[in-house]
Amino acid sequence: MEERHPRGAEDGPAEVQEEDGPAGGPVHGERLLVHHEGRQAAAAEDRRSRGALVAPAALKAVVGDGHQGPSGRYFASFVVEVEDKPLPELDAEETDTGIDLGLSCYAVLRGRRIASPKFFRRQERKLRRAQRAVSRKQKGSNNRRKAKHAVAKIHARIADQRRDFMEQETTRIVRESHAVYAEDLNVKGMATRRGTLGKSVHDQSLGRFVRTLEATCLRYGRTFIKIDRWFPSTQQCSAPGCGRLTGPKGRHGLHVRVWTCTECRTRHDRDENAEANIRAAGRKRAAEIRHEAERQNACGEHARPRKPGQGSMKQEPTRSSAAARGRAGGNQPRSRG
């Protein structure tokens, strides 16, 4: 296994060596030591997060690099070749799900909810005390460096918790669902609105959750479709045969969690109604994609892969002998005698 050790601009490439010695400091001279316990832990983490049975000896590093973060931890990043195996097929009608993302509840799926973890909010008080300690220290002093290191460790812990939460939840969703439909949210616009929602929106990290979910679906062969961000999933009534826009609207309607349709008198839960509408829109979009693919195949495209040197062939309609004789005689008008 080859990796790269953190180096300056003037230093050359430094080797990274594997050793099976006792756990100790990660840096030894100009080499970054990767111990046997670290490789075992990396393989276990890979099996848990990706679901692939990979032995530690089967991990092949292609390109590597490393650096030391502000929290004092060393990060060695490298590309690993792992064979991805698609998950078993599931019933599309019974296991597909829409995902309604929010703040009070992190995500609402078909049949279950994901509670909002609020990792930053939980550590906010501790982080506030650490940042005040930094402001009290003299600039350039060793105590200020230690205080900044403590702040960086809190931020690193929050990032680790959020990353682990997303990996676990997205993997579970992909294993339980044949198709996943999610909204294309404007997270930046949600955070920069007038009000006090910016910190909560960034704490949820909804955009990264959707990107991680899309990558996981692609890795395991699941269907992932994004719904237009302007689709009125909350306002539209999901009752069969209704579909009227009678739900809560605007910022003043955010506190309305349960509402009744004025047309069909159906009582809706706000989040469950949005999930049902997203699922219906996702099914419609999936059918359009399949129809478009079939239409392209029917218009001359090869459904099977072509052989080397094989070109596209267009079939011309058969010509009758009379039409052929008419062309041979030209467009001269027939004379009457």
C-alpha atoms as a PDB file:
ATOM      1  CA  MET A   1       0.000   0.000   0.000  1.00  0.00           C
ATOM      2  CA  GLU A   2       1.367   3.379  -0.986  1.00  0.00           C
ATOM      3  CA  GLU A   3       0.226   6.698   0.381  1.00  0.00           C
ATOM      4  CA  ARG A   4       1.615  10.190   0.731  1.00  0.00           C
ATOM      5  CA  HIS A   5       2.873  11.905   3.823  1.00  0.00           C
ATOM      6  CA  PRO A   6       2.086  15.591   4.494  1.00  0.00           C
ATOM      7  CA  ARG A   7       4.870  17.629   2.979  1.00  0.00           C
ATOM      8  CA  GLY A   8       5.788  21.187   2.171  1.00  0.00           C
ATOM      9  CA  ALA A   9       6.088  22.731  -1.249  1.00  0.00           C
ATOM     10  CA  GLU A  10       9.823  22.145  -1.340  1.00  0.00           C
ATOM     11  CA  ASP A  11       9.746  18.532  -0.159  1.00  0.00           C
ATOM     12  CA  GLY A  12       9.626  15.566  -2.468  1.00  0.00           C
ATOM     13  CA  PRO A  13       7.182  12.674  -2.219  1.00  0.00           C
ATOM     14  CA  ALA A  14       7.413  10.871   1.077  1.00  0.00           C
ATOM     15  CA  GLU A  15       6.646   7.206   1.509  1.00  0.00           C
ATOM     16  CA  VAL A  16       3.939   5.741   3.679  1.00  0.00           C
ATOM     17  CA  GLN A  17       4.850   2.427   5.238  1.00  0.00           C
ATOM     18  CA  GLU A  18       2.719  -0.330   6.742  1.00  0.00           C
ATOM     19  CA  GLU A  19       3.919  -1.799   9.991  1.00  0.00           C
ATOM     20  CA  ASP A  20       2.427  -4.362  12.349  1.00  0.00           C
ATOM     21  CA  GLY A  21       3.910  -2.848  15.469  1.00  0.00           C
ATOM     22  CA  PRO A  22       2.177  -1.432  18.529  1.00  0.00           C
ATOM     23  CA  ALA A  23      -0.041   1.570  18.209  1.00  0.00           C
ATOM     24  CA  GLY A  24       1.930   4.762  18.495  1.00  0.00           C
ATOM     25  CA  GLY A  25       2.458   8.114  16.824  1.00  0.00           C
ATOM     26  CA  PRO A  26       1.400   8.233  13.173  1.00  0.00           C
ATOM     27  CA  VAL A  27       4.560  10.009  11.997  1.00  0.00           C
ATOM     28  CA  HIS A  28       7.996   8.458  12.213  1.00  0.00           C
ATOM     29  CA  GLY A  29      10.609  10.602  10.546  1.00  0.00           C
ATOM     30  CA  GLU A  30       9.413  11.054   6.954  1.00  0.00           C
ATOM     31  CA  ARG A  31       7.055   8.076   6.972  1.00  0.00           C
ATOM     32  CA  LEU A  32       3.402   7.760   7.970  1.00  0.00           C
ATOM     33  CA  LEU A  33       2.926   4.430   9.722  1.00  0.00           C
ATOM     34  CA  VAL A  34      -0.292   2.509   9.071  1.00  0.00           C
ATOM     35  CA  HIS A  35      -0.512  -0.209  11.718  1.00  0.00           C
ATOM     36  CA  HIS A  36      -2.216  -3.568  11.392  1.00  0.00           C
ATOM     37  CA  GLU A  37      -5.010  -2.521  13.761  1.00  0.00           C
ATOM     38  CA  GLY A  38      -5.715   0.496  11.574  1.00  0.00           C
ATOM     39  CA  ARG A  39      -6.062  -1.653   8.462  1.00  0.00           C
ATOM     40  CA  GLN A  40      -8.432  -4.021  10.269  1.00  0.00           C
ATOM     41  CA  ALA A  41     -10.555  -1.092  11.449  1.00  0.00           C
ATOM     42  CA  ALA A  42     -10.629   0.401   7.927  1.00  0.00           C
ATOM     43  CA  ALA A  43     -11.762  -2.906   6.447  1.00  0.00           C
ATOM     44  CA  ALA A  44     -14.494  -3.273   9.098  1.00  0.00           C
ATOM     45  CA  GLU A  45     -15.705   0.266   8.424  1.00  0.00           C
ATOM     46  CA  ASP A  46     -15.775  -0.442   4.696  1.00  0.00           C
ATOM     47  CA  ARG A  47     -17.817  -3.606   5.200  1.00  0.00           C
ATOM     48  CA  ARG A  48     -20.274  -1.825   7.465  1.00  0.00           C
ATOM     49  CA  SER A  49     -20.826   1.259   5.313  1.00  0.00           C
ATOM     50  CA  ARG A  50     -20.701  -0.283   1.841  1.00  0.00           C
ATOM     51  CA  GLY A  51     -21.924  -3.818   2.511  1.00  0.00           C
ATOM     52  CA  ALA A  52     -19.046  -5.397   0.563  1.00  0.00           C
ATOM     53  CA  LEU A  53     -17.071  -8.325   1.932  1.00  0.00           C
ATOM     54  CA  VAL A  54     -13.539  -7.041   1.476  1.00  0.00           C
ATOM     55  CA  ALA A  55     -10.500  -8.516   3.154  1.00  0.00           C
ATOM     56  CA  PRO A  56      -7.796  -6.104   4.424  1.00  0.00           C
ATOM     57  CA  ALA A  57      -5.279  -7.619   2.000  1.00  0.00           C
ATOM     58  CA  ALA A  58      -7.647  -6.979  -0.947  1.00  0.00           C
ATOM     59  CA  LEU A  59      -7.587  -3.197  -0.487  1.00  0.00           C
ATOM     60  CA  LYS A  60      -5.433  -1.826  -3.269  1.00  0.00           C
ATOM     61  CA  ALA A  61      -4.372   1.808  -3.051  1.00  0.00           C
ATOM     62  CA  VAL A  62      -4.009   3.498  -6.420  1.00  0.00           C
ATOM     63  CA  VAL A  63      -3.351   7.141  -5.584  1.00  0.00           C
ATOM     64  CA  GLY A  64      -2.714   8.556  -2.133  1.00  0.00           C
ATOM     65  CA  ASP A  65      -2.163  11.803  -0.279  1.00  0.00           C
ATOM     66  CA  GLY A  66      -2.252  12.956   3.317  1.00  0.00           C
ATOM     67  CA  HIS A  67      -2.369  15.990   5.570  1.00  0.00           C
ATOM     68  CA  GLN A  68      -2.807  17.022   9.172  1.00  0.00           C
ATOM     69  CA  GLY A  69      -6.069  18.712  10.040  1.00  0.00           C
ATOM     70  CA  PRO A  70      -6.513  21.671  12.416  1.00  0.00           C
ATOM     71  CA  SER A  71      -7.759  19.301  15.131  1.00  0.00           C
ATOM     72  CA  GLY A  72      -4.368  17.555  15.182  1.00  0.00           C
ATOM     73  CA  ARG A  73      -5.518  14.374  13.470  1.00  0.00           C
ATOM     74  CA  TYR A  74      -3.689  12.958  10.466  1.00  0.00           C
ATOM     75  CA  PHE A  75      -5.717  12.117   7.377  1.00  0.00           C
ATOM     76  CA  ALA A  76      -4.411   9.678   4.764  1.00  0.00           C
ATOM     77  CA  SER A  77      -6.702   9.613   1.701  1.00  0.00           C
ATOM     78  CA  PHE A  78      -6.291   7.147  -1.130  1.00  0.00           C
ATOM     79  CA  VAL A  79      -8.355   5.592  -3.888  1.00  0.00           C
ATOM     80  CA  VAL A  80      -9.411   1.994  -3.241  1.00  0.00           C
ATOM     81  CA  GLU A  81     -10.611  -0.472  -5.864  1.00  0.00           C
ATOM     82  CA  VAL A  82     -13.658  -2.357  -4.550  1.00  0.00           C
ATOM     83  CA  GLU A  83     -16.064  -4.406  -6.617  1.00  0.00           C
ATOM     84  CA  ASP A  84     -19.616  -3.116  -6.161  1.00  0.00           C
ATOM     85  CA  LYS A  85     -22.387  -5.707  -6.273  1.00  0.00           C
ATOM     86  CA  PRO A  86     -25.998  -4.607  -6.958  1.00  0.00           C
ATOM     87  CA  LEU A  87     -28.511  -5.394  -4.247  1.00  0.00           C
ATOM     88  CA  PRO A  88     -31.309  -7.933  -4.858  1.00  0.00           C
ATOM     89  CA  GLU A  89     -34.334  -6.672  -6.765  1.00  0.00           C
ATOM     90  CA  LEU A  90     -37.382  -5.560  -4.754  1.00  0.00           C
ATOM     91  CA  ASP A  91     -41.024  -4.985  -5.626  1.00  0.00           C
ATOM     92  CA  ALA A  92     -41.145  -1.496  -7.140  1.00  0.00           C
ATOM     93  CA  GLU A  93     -44.769  -0.811  -6.139  1.00  0.00           C
ATOM     94  CA  GLU A  94     -44.319  -1.890  -2.538  1.00  0.00           C
ATOM     95  CA  THR A  95     -40.836  -0.596  -1.701  1.00  0.00           C
ATOM     96  CA  ASP A  96     -40.432   2.701  -3.565  1.00  0.00           C
ATOM     97  CA  THR A  97     -40.502   5.771  -1.348  1.00  0.00           C
ATOM     98  CA  GLY A  98     -40.562   9.525  -1.491  1.00  0.00           C
ATOM     99  CA  ILE A  99     -38.463  11.594   0.893  1.00  0.00           C
ATOM    100  CA  ASP A 100     -39.715  14.848   2.391  1.00  0.00           C
ATOM    101  CA  LEU A 101     -36.811  16.653   4.063  1.00  0.00           C
ATOM    102  CA  GLY A 102     -37.356  19.253   6.740  1.00  0.00           C
ATOM    103  CA  LEU A 103     -36.175  20.822   9.980  1.00  0.00           C
ATOM    104  CA  SER A 104     -38.533  19.637  12.707  1.00  0.00           C
ATOM    105  CA  CYS A 105     -38.280  16.097  11.319  1.00  0.00           C
ATOM    106  CA  TYR A 106     -35.155  15.295   9.326  1.00  0.00           C
ATOM    107  CA  ALA A 107     -36.882  13.083   6.735  1.00  0.00           C
ATOM    108  CA  VAL A 108     -40.283  11.469   6.251  1.00  0.00           C
ATOM    109  CA  LEU A 109     -40.284   8.257   4.233  1.00  0.00           C
ATOM    110  CA  ARG A 110     -42.942   5.752   3.310  1.00  0.00           C
ATOM    111  CA  GLY A 111     -43.930   4.223   6.619  1.00  0.00           C
ATOM    112  CA  ARG A 112     -41.311   5.752   8.914  1.00  0.00           C
ATOM    113  CA  ARG A 113     -39.653   8.957  10.009  1.00  0.00           C
ATOM    114  CA  ILE A 114     -36.050   9.959  10.690  1.00  0.00           C
ATOM    115  CA  ALA A 115     -35.700  12.178  13.739  1.00  0.00           C
ATOM    116  CA  SER A 116     -33.605  15.309  13.467  1.00  0.00           C
ATOM    117  CA  PRO A 117     -30.187  14.644  15.118  1.00  0.00           C
ATOM    118  CA  LYS A 118     -29.187  18.333  15.573  1.00  0.00           C
ATOM    119  CA  PHE A 119     -25.498  17.604  16.128  1.00  0.00           C
ATOM    120  CA  PHE A 120     -24.441  21.253  16.070  1.00  0.00           C
ATOM    121  CA  ARG A 121     -27.230  22.351  18.415  1.00  0.00           C
ATOM    122  CA  ARG A 122     -26.186  19.724  20.957  1.00  0.00           C
ATOM    123  CA  GLN A 123     -22.572  20.923  20.974  1.00  0.00           C
ATOM    124  CA  GLU A 124     -23.375  24.629  20.648  1.00  0.00           C
ATOM    125  CA  ARG A 125     -23.025  25.429  24.335  1.00  0.00           C
ATOM    126  CA  LYS A 126     -19.704  23.633  24.621  1.00  0.00           C
ATOM    127  CA  LEU A 127     -18.481  25.308  21.447  1.00  0.00           C
ATOM    128  CA  ARG A 128     -19.476  28.729  22.749  1.00  0.00           C
ATOM    129  CA  ARG A 129     -17.372  28.264  25.889  1.00  0.00           C
ATOM    130  CA  ALA A 130     -14.380  27.097  23.839  1.00  0.00           C
ATOM    131  CA  GLN A 131     -14.605  30.094  21.509  1.00  0.00           C
ATOM    132  CA  ARG A 132     -14.773  32.479  24.454  1.00  0.00           C
ATOM    133  CA  ALA A 133     -11.641  30.871  25.831  1.00  0.00           C
ATOM    134  CA  VAL A 134      -9.872  31.587  22.528  1.00  0.00           C
ATOM    135  CA  SER A 135     -10.876  35.261  22.616  1.00  0.00           C
ATOM    136  CA  ARG A 136      -9.394  35.645  26.127  1.00  0.00           C
ATOM    137  CA  LYS A 137      -5.969  34.334  25.140  1.00  0.00           C
ATOM    138  CA  GLN A 138      -3.180  36.562  23.861  1.00  0.00           C
ATOM    139  CA  LYS A 139      -2.604  36.415  20.128  1.00  0.00           C
ATOM    140  CA  GLY A 140       0.426  34.364  19.159  1.00  0.00           C
ATOM    141  CA  SER A 141       0.683  32.667  22.540  1.00  0.00           C
ATOM    142  CA  ASN A 142       0.888  28.929  23.112  1.00  0.00           C
ATOM    143  CA  ASN A 143      -2.296  29.008  25.217  1.00  0.00           C
ATOM    144  CA  ARG A 144      -4.206  30.542  22.306  1.00  0.00           C
ATOM    145  CA  ARG A 145      -2.948  27.784  20.017  1.00  0.00           C
ATOM    146  CA  LYS A 146      -4.189  25.159  22.491  1.00  0.00           C
ATOM    147  CA  ALA A 147      -7.574  26.885  22.798  1.00  0.00           C
ATOM    148  CA  LYS A 148      -7.985  26.983  18.989  1.00  0.00           C
ATOM    149  CA  HIS A 149      -7.063  23.314  18.901  1.00  0.00           C
ATOM    150  CA  ALA A 150      -9.910  22.582  21.360  1.00  0.00           C
ATOM    151  CA  VAL A 151     -12.384  24.454  19.139  1.00  0.00           C
ATOM    152  CA  ALA A 152     -11.218  22.509  16.092  1.00  0.00           C
ATOM    153  CA  LYS A 153     -11.713  19.217  17.923  1.00  0.00           C
ATOM    154  CA  ILE A 154     -15.356  20.109  18.673  1.00  0.00           C
ATOM    155  CA  HIS A 155     -16.018  20.976  15.032  1.00  0.00           C
ATOM    156  CA  ALA A 156     -14.331  17.734  13.926  1.00  0.00           C
ATOM    157  CA  ARG A 157     -16.512  15.709  16.282  1.00  0.00           C
ATOM    158  CA  ILE A 158     -19.677  17.355  14.901  1.00  0.00           C
ATOM    159  CA  ALA A 159     -18.573  16.648  11.315  1.00  0.00           C
ATOM    160  CA  ASP A 160     -17.782  13.004  12.145  1.00  0.00           C
ATOM    161  CA  GLN A 161     -21.169  12.461  13.782  1.00  0.00           C
ATOM    162  CA  ARG A 162     -23.016  14.048  10.868  1.00  0.00           C
ATOM    163  CA  ARG A 163     -21.062  12.019   8.293  1.00  0.00           C
ATOM    164  CA  ASP A 164     -21.645   8.738  10.113  1.00  0.00           C
ATOM    165  CA  PHE A 165     -25.356   9.514  10.484  1.00  0.00           C
ATOM    166  CA  MET A 166     -25.730  10.155   6.744  1.00  0.00           C
ATOM    167  CA  GLU A 167     -23.851   7.015   5.733  1.00  0.00           C
ATOM    168  CA  GLN A 168     -25.974   4.805   7.996  1.00  0.00           C
ATOM    169  CA  GLU A 169     -29.328   6.325   7.022  1.00  0.00           C
ATOM    170  CA  THR A 170     -28.681   6.440   3.272  1.00  0.00           C
ATOM    171  CA  THR A 171     -27.466   2.826   3.262  1.00  0.00           C
ATOM    172  CA  ARG A 172     -30.587   1.708   5.121  1.00  0.00           C
ATOM    173  CA  ILE A 173     -32.865   3.606   2.718  1.00  0.00           C
ATOM    174  CA  VAL A 174     -31.193   2.085  -0.328  1.00  0.00           C
ATOM    175  CA  ARG A 175     -31.378  -1.458   1.072  1.00  0.00           C
ATOM    176  CA  GLU A 176     -35.075  -1.140   1.902  1.00  0.00           C
ATOM    177  CA  SER A 177     -36.250   0.723  -1.223  1.00  0.00           C
ATOM    178  CA  HIS A 178     -36.262  -0.181  -4.898  1.00  0.00           C
ATOM    179  CA  ALA A 179     -36.661   3.442  -6.019  1.00  0.00           C
ATOM    180  CA  VAL A 180     -36.066   6.696  -4.153  1.00  0.00           C
ATOM    181  CA  TYR A 181     -37.615  10.061  -5.054  1.00  0.00           C
ATOM    182  CA  ALA A 182     -36.379  13.272  -3.436  1.00  0.00           C
ATOM    183  CA  GLU A 183     -36.908  16.980  -3.931  1.00  0.00           C
ATOM    184  CA  ASP A 184     -34.263  19.181  -5.524  1.00  0.00           C
ATOM    185  CA  LEU A 185     -34.038  21.610  -2.623  1.00  0.00           C
ATOM    186  CA  ASN A 186     -32.506  25.070  -2.814  1.00  0.00           C
ATOM    187  CA  VAL A 187     -30.616  24.722   0.465  1.00  0.00           C
ATOM    188  CA  LYS A 188     -28.661  27.952   0.032  1.00  0.00           C
ATOM    189  CA  GLY A 189     -31.856  29.893  -0.547  1.00  0.00           C
ATOM    190  CA  MET A 190     -33.466  28.299   2.503  1.00  0.00           C
ATOM    191  CA  ALA A 191     -30.519  29.318   4.688  1.00  0.00           C
ATOM    192  CA  THR A 192     -30.247  32.914   3.456  1.00  0.00           C
ATOM    193  CA  ARG A 193     -33.885  33.854   3.937  1.00  0.00           C
ATOM    194  CA  ARG A 194     -34.824  36.500   6.409  1.00  0.00           C
ATOM    195  CA  GLY A 195     -35.316  34.845   9.756  1.00  0.00           C
ATOM    196  CA  THR A 196     -33.508  32.509  12.134  1.00  0.00           C
ATOM    197  CA  LEU A 197     -33.519  29.290  10.074  1.00  0.00           C
ATOM    198  CA  GLY A 198     -30.009  29.585   8.640  1.00  0.00           C
ATOM    199  CA  LYS A 199     -28.213  27.801  11.458  1.00  0.00           C
ATOM    200  CA  SER A 200     -30.780  24.985  11.577  1.00  0.00           C
ATOM    201  CA  VAL A 201     -30.666  24.490   7.796  1.00  0.00           C
ATOM    202  CA  HIS A 202     -26.876  24.210   7.782  1.00  0.00           C
ATOM    203  CA  ASP A 203     -26.978  21.902  10.790  1.00  0.00           C
ATOM    204  CA  GLN A 204     -29.259  19.505   8.891  1.00  0.00           C
ATOM    205  CA  SER A 205     -26.930  19.481   5.847  1.00  0.00           C
ATOM    206  CA  LEU A 206     -29.793  18.467   3.561  1.00  0.00           C
ATOM    207  CA  GLY A 207     -27.890  19.021   0.333  1.00  0.00           C
ATOM    208  CA  ARG A 208     -25.109  16.664   1.343  1.00  0.00           C
ATOM    209  CA  PHE A 209     -27.666  14.081   2.431  1.00  0.00           C
ATOM    210  CA  VAL A 210     -29.286  14.103  -1.017  1.00  0.00           C
ATOM    211  CA  ARG A 211     -25.911  13.851  -2.770  1.00  0.00           C
ATOM    212  CA  THR A 212     -24.854  10.945  -0.561  1.00  0.00           C
ATOM    213  CA  LEU A 213     -28.176   9.200  -1.165  1.00  0.00           C
ATOM    214  CA  GLU A 214     -27.847   9.644  -4.936  1.00  0.00           C
ATOM    215  CA  ALA A 215     -24.311   8.219  -4.935  1.00  0.00           C
ATOM    216  CA  THR A 216     -25.395   5.247  -2.803  1.00  0.00           C
ATOM    217  CA  CYS A 217     -28.312   4.470  -5.150  1.00  0.00           C
ATOM    218  CA  LEU A 218     -25.976   4.596  -8.124  1.00  0.00           C
ATOM    219  CA  ARG A 219     -23.507   2.287  -6.383  1.00  0.00           C
ATOM    220  CA  TYR A 220     -26.097  -0.388  -5.555  1.00  0.00           C
ATOM    221  CA  GLY A 221     -28.177  -0.176  -8.733  1.00  0.00           C
ATOM    222  CA  ARG A 222     -31.247   1.555  -7.293  1.00  0.00           C
ATOM    223  CA  THR A 223     -33.407   4.142  -9.038  1.00  0.00           C
ATOM    224  CA  PHE A 224     -32.978   7.728  -7.858  1.00  0.00           C
ATOM    225  CA  ILE A 225     -35.061  10.581  -9.286  1.00  0.00           C
ATOM    226  CA  LYS A 226     -35.090  14.241  -8.293  1.00  0.00           C
ATOM    227  CA  ILE A 227     -38.369  16.135  -8.266  1.00  0.00           C
ATOM    228  CA  ASP A 228     -38.538  19.748  -9.399  1.00  0.00           C
ATOM    229  CA  ARG A 229     -38.061  22.160  -6.521  1.00  0.00           C
ATOM    230  CA  TRP A 230     -41.150  24.129  -7.572  1.00  0.00           C
ATOM    231  CA  PHE A 231     -43.441  21.116  -7.262  1.00  0.00           C
ATOM    232  CA  PRO A 232     -46.133  21.983  -4.616  1.00  0.00           C
ATOM    233  CA  SER A 233     -45.732  18.813  -2.571  1.00  0.00           C
ATOM    234  CA  THR A 234     -46.990  20.406   0.668  1.00  0.00           C
ATOM    235  CA  GLN A 235     -49.911  22.372  -0.777  1.00  0.00           C
ATOM    236  CA  GLN A 236     -51.359  19.635  -3.010  1.00  0.00           C
ATOM    237  CA  CYS A 237     -53.955  17.240  -1.619  1.00  0.00           C
ATOM    238  CA  SER A 238     -52.781  13.633  -2.030  1.00  0.00           C
ATOM    239  CA  ALA A 239     -56.268  12.091  -1.829  1.00  0.00           C
ATOM    240  CA  PRO A 240     -57.213  10.042  -4.930  1.00  0.00           C
ATOM    241  CA  GLY A 241     -59.170  12.123  -7.411  1.00  0.00           C
ATOM    242  CA  CYS A 242     -58.577  15.460  -5.680  1.00  0.00           C
ATOM    243  CA  GLY A 243     -55.149  17.026  -6.228  1.00  0.00           C
ATOM    244  CA  ARG A 244     -56.305  20.539  -5.299  1.00  0.00           C
ATOM    245  CA  LEU A 245     -53.826  23.103  -3.922  1.00  0.00           C
ATOM    246  CA  THR A 246     -55.550  23.747  -0.609  1.00  0.00           C
ATOM    247  CA  GLY A 247     -52.614  23.153   1.777  1.00  0.00           C
ATOM    248  CA  PRO A 248     -50.685  25.712   3.857  1.00  0.00           C
ATOM    249  CA  LYS A 249     -48.710  28.254   1.851  1.00  0.00           C
ATOM    250  CA  GLY A 250     -45.832  30.622   2.526  1.00  0.00           C
ATOM    251  CA  ARG A 251     -43.693  31.147   5.602  1.00  0.00           C
ATOM    252  CA  HIS A 252     -46.715  31.877   7.746  1.00  0.00           C
ATOM    253  CA  GLY A 253     -47.925  28.312   7.109  1.00  0.00           C
ATOM    254  CA  LEU A 254     -44.806  26.559   8.404  1.00  0.00           C
ATOM    255  CA  HIS A 255     -46.344  26.040  11.839  1.00  0.00           C
ATOM    256  CA  VAL A 256     -49.346  24.205  10.350  1.00  0.00           C
ATOM    257  CA  ARG A 257     -48.566  20.505  10.737  1.00  0.00           C
ATOM    258  CA  VAL A 258     -52.076  19.085  10.160  1.00  0.00           C
ATOM    259  CA  TRP A 259     -54.618  20.499   7.721  1.00  0.00           C
ATOM    260  CA  THR A 260     -57.940  19.553   6.085  1.00  0.00           C
ATOM    261  CA  CYS A 261     -58.613  19.835   2.379  1.00  0.00           C
ATOM    262  CA  THR A 262     -61.494  22.239   1.712  1.00  0.00           C
ATOM    263  CA  GLU A 263     -62.568  20.313  -1.404  1.00  0.00           C
ATOM    264  CA  CYS A 264     -62.655  16.638  -0.350  1.00  0.00           C
ATOM    265  CA  ARG A 265     -62.550  17.188   3.470  1.00  0.00           C
ATOM    266  CA  THR A 266     -59.580  14.828   3.864  1.00  0.00           C
ATOM    267  CA  ARG A 267     -57.400  15.386   6.906  1.00  0.00           C
ATOM    268  CA  HIS A 268     -53.663  15.336   6.109  1.00  0.00           C
ATOM    269  CA  ASP A 269     -50.457  15.250   8.059  1.00  0.00           C
ATOM    270  CA  ARG A 270     -48.214  17.871   6.449  1.00  0.00           C
ATOM    271  CA  ASP A 271     -45.093  15.709   6.045  1.00  0.00           C
ATOM    272  CA  GLU A 272     -46.859  12.456   5.132  1.00  0.00           C
ATOM    273  CA  ASN A 273     -48.939  14.272   2.513  1.00  0.00           C
ATOM    274  CA  ALA A 274     -45.771  15.757   0.995  1.00  0.00           C
ATOM    275  CA  GLU A 275     -44.117  12.316   0.891  1.00  0.00           C
ATOM    276  CA  ALA A 276     -47.127  10.819  -0.916  1.00  0.00           C
ATOM    277  CA  ASN A 277     -47.108  13.616  -3.495  1.00  0.00           C
ATOM    278  CA  ILE A 278     -43.353  13.265  -4.058  1.00  0.00           C
ATOM    279  CA  ARG A 279     -43.753   9.503  -4.512  1.00  0.00           C
ATOM    280  CA  ALA A 280     -46.542   9.984  -7.065  1.00  0.00           C
ATOM    281  CA  ALA A 281     -44.526  12.590  -8.966  1.00  0.00           C
ATOM    282  CA  GLY A 282     -41.469  10.317  -8.895  1.00  0.00           C
ATOM    283  CA  ARG A 283     -43.430   7.392 -10.336  1.00  0.00           C
ATOM    284  CA  LYS A 284     -44.750   9.628 -13.106  1.00  0.00           C
ATOM    285  CA  ARG A 285     -41.251  10.881 -13.905  1.00  0.00           C
ATOM    286  CA  ALA A 286     -39.866   7.311 -13.916  1.00  0.00           C
ATOM    287  CA  ALA A 287     -42.577   6.247 -16.379  1.00  0.00           C
ATOM    288  CA  GLU A 288     -41.711   9.201 -18.631  1.00  0.00           C
ATOM    289  CA  ILE A 289     -38.030   8.226 -18.585  1.00  0.00           C
ATOM    290  CA  ARG A 290     -38.866   4.631 -19.530  1.00  0.00           C
ATOM    291  CA  HIS A 291     -41.201   5.781 -22.297  1.00  0.00           C
ATOM    292  CA  GLU A 292     -38.540   8.131 -23.663  1.00  0.00           C
ATOM    293  CA  ALA A 293     -35.985   5.313 -23.707  1.00  0.00           C
ATOM    294  CA  GLU A 294     -38.411   3.012 -25.545  1.00  0.00           C
ATOM    295  CA  ARG A 295     -39.261   5.747 -28.040  1.00  0.00           C
ATOM    296  CA  GLN A 296     -35.592   6.323 -28.841  1.00  0.00           C
ATOM    297  CA  ASN A 297     -35.104   2.604 -29.407  1.00  0.00           C
ATOM    298  CA  ALA A 298     -38.139   2.491 -31.715  1.00  0.00           C
ATOM    299  CA  CYS A 299     -36.854   5.391 -33.837  1.00  0.00           C
ATOM    300  CA  GLY A 300     -33.826   3.631 -35.257  1.00  0.00           C
ATOM    301  CA  GLU A 301     -31.602   3.227 -32.228  1.00  0.00           C
ATOM    302  CA  HIS A 302     -30.245  -0.240 -31.573  1.00  0.00           C
ATOM    303  CA  ALA A 303     -31.646  -1.892 -28.471  1.00  0.00           C
ATOM    304  CA  ARG A 304     -28.698  -4.310 -28.506  1.00  0.00           C
ATOM    305  CA  PRO A 305     -25.063  -3.220 -28.615  1.00  0.00           C
ATOM    306  CA  ARG A 306     -23.713  -2.969 -32.137  1.00  0.00           C
ATOM    307  CA  LYS A 307     -20.933  -5.137 -33.443  1.00  0.00           C
ATOM    308  CA  PRO A 308     -17.616  -3.504 -34.357  1.00  0.00           C
ATOM    309  CA  GLY A 309     -17.976  -1.769 -37.736  1.00  0.00           C
ATOM    310  CA  GLN A 310     -21.760  -2.083 -37.800  1.00  0.00           C
ATOM    311  CA  GLY A 311     -23.520   1.110 -38.852  1.00  0.00           C
ATOM    312  CA  SER A 312     -27.088   2.244 -38.539  1.00  0.00           C
ATOM    313  CA  MET A 313     -29.397   1.110 -41.353  1.00  0.00           C
ATOM    314  CA  LYS A 314     -32.527   2.943 -42.380  1.00  0.00           C
ATOM    315  CA  GLN A 315     -35.297   1.025 -44.132  1.00  0.00           C
ATOM    316  CA  GLU A 316     -36.821   2.767 -47.124  1.00  0.00           C
ATOM    317  CA  PRO A 317     -40.440   2.125 -48.136  1.00  0.00           C
ATOM    318  CA  THR A 318     -40.925  -0.195 -51.104  1.00  0.00           C
ATOM    319  CA  ARG A 319     -41.481   1.508 -54.410  1.00  0.00           C
ATOM    320  CA  SER A 320     -44.145   0.296 -56.825  1.00  0.00           C
ATOM    321  CA  SER A 321     -43.279  -0.317 -60.425  1.00  0.00           C
ATOM    322  CA  ALA A 322     -45.797   2.290 -61.547  1.00  0.00           C
ATOM    323  CA  ALA A 323     -44.175   4.976 -59.442  1.00  0.00           C
ATOM    324  CA  ALA A 324     -40.807   3.951 -60.759  1.00  0.00           C
ATOM    325  CA  ARG A 325     -42.037   4.233 -64.369  1.00  0.00           C
ATOM    326  CA  GLY A 326     -43.554   7.604 -63.591  1.00  0.00           C
ATOM    327  CA  ARG A 327     -40.218   8.924 -62.342  1.00  0.00           C
ATOM    328  CA  ALA A 328     -38.468   7.455 -65.366  1.00  0.00           C
ATOM    329  CA  GLY A 329     -40.749   9.383 -67.688  1.00  0.00           C
ATOM    330  CA  GLY A 330     -40.132  12.653 -65.907  1.00  0.00           C
ATOM    331  CA  ASN A 331     -42.654  15.234 -64.824  1.00  0.00           C
ATOM    332  CA  GLN A 332     -43.939  15.911 -68.346  1.00  0.00           C
ATOM    333  CA  PRO A 333     -47.721  16.457 -68.489  1.00  0.00           C
ATOM    334  CA  ARG A 334     -49.694  13.789 -70.351  1.00  0.00           C
ATOM    335  CA  SER A 335     -51.020  15.014 -73.691  1.00  0.00           C
ATOM    336  CA  ARG A 336     -54.627  14.313 -74.590  1.00  0.00           C
ATOM    337  CA  GLY A 337     -55.167  13.097 -78.142  1.00  0.00           C
END
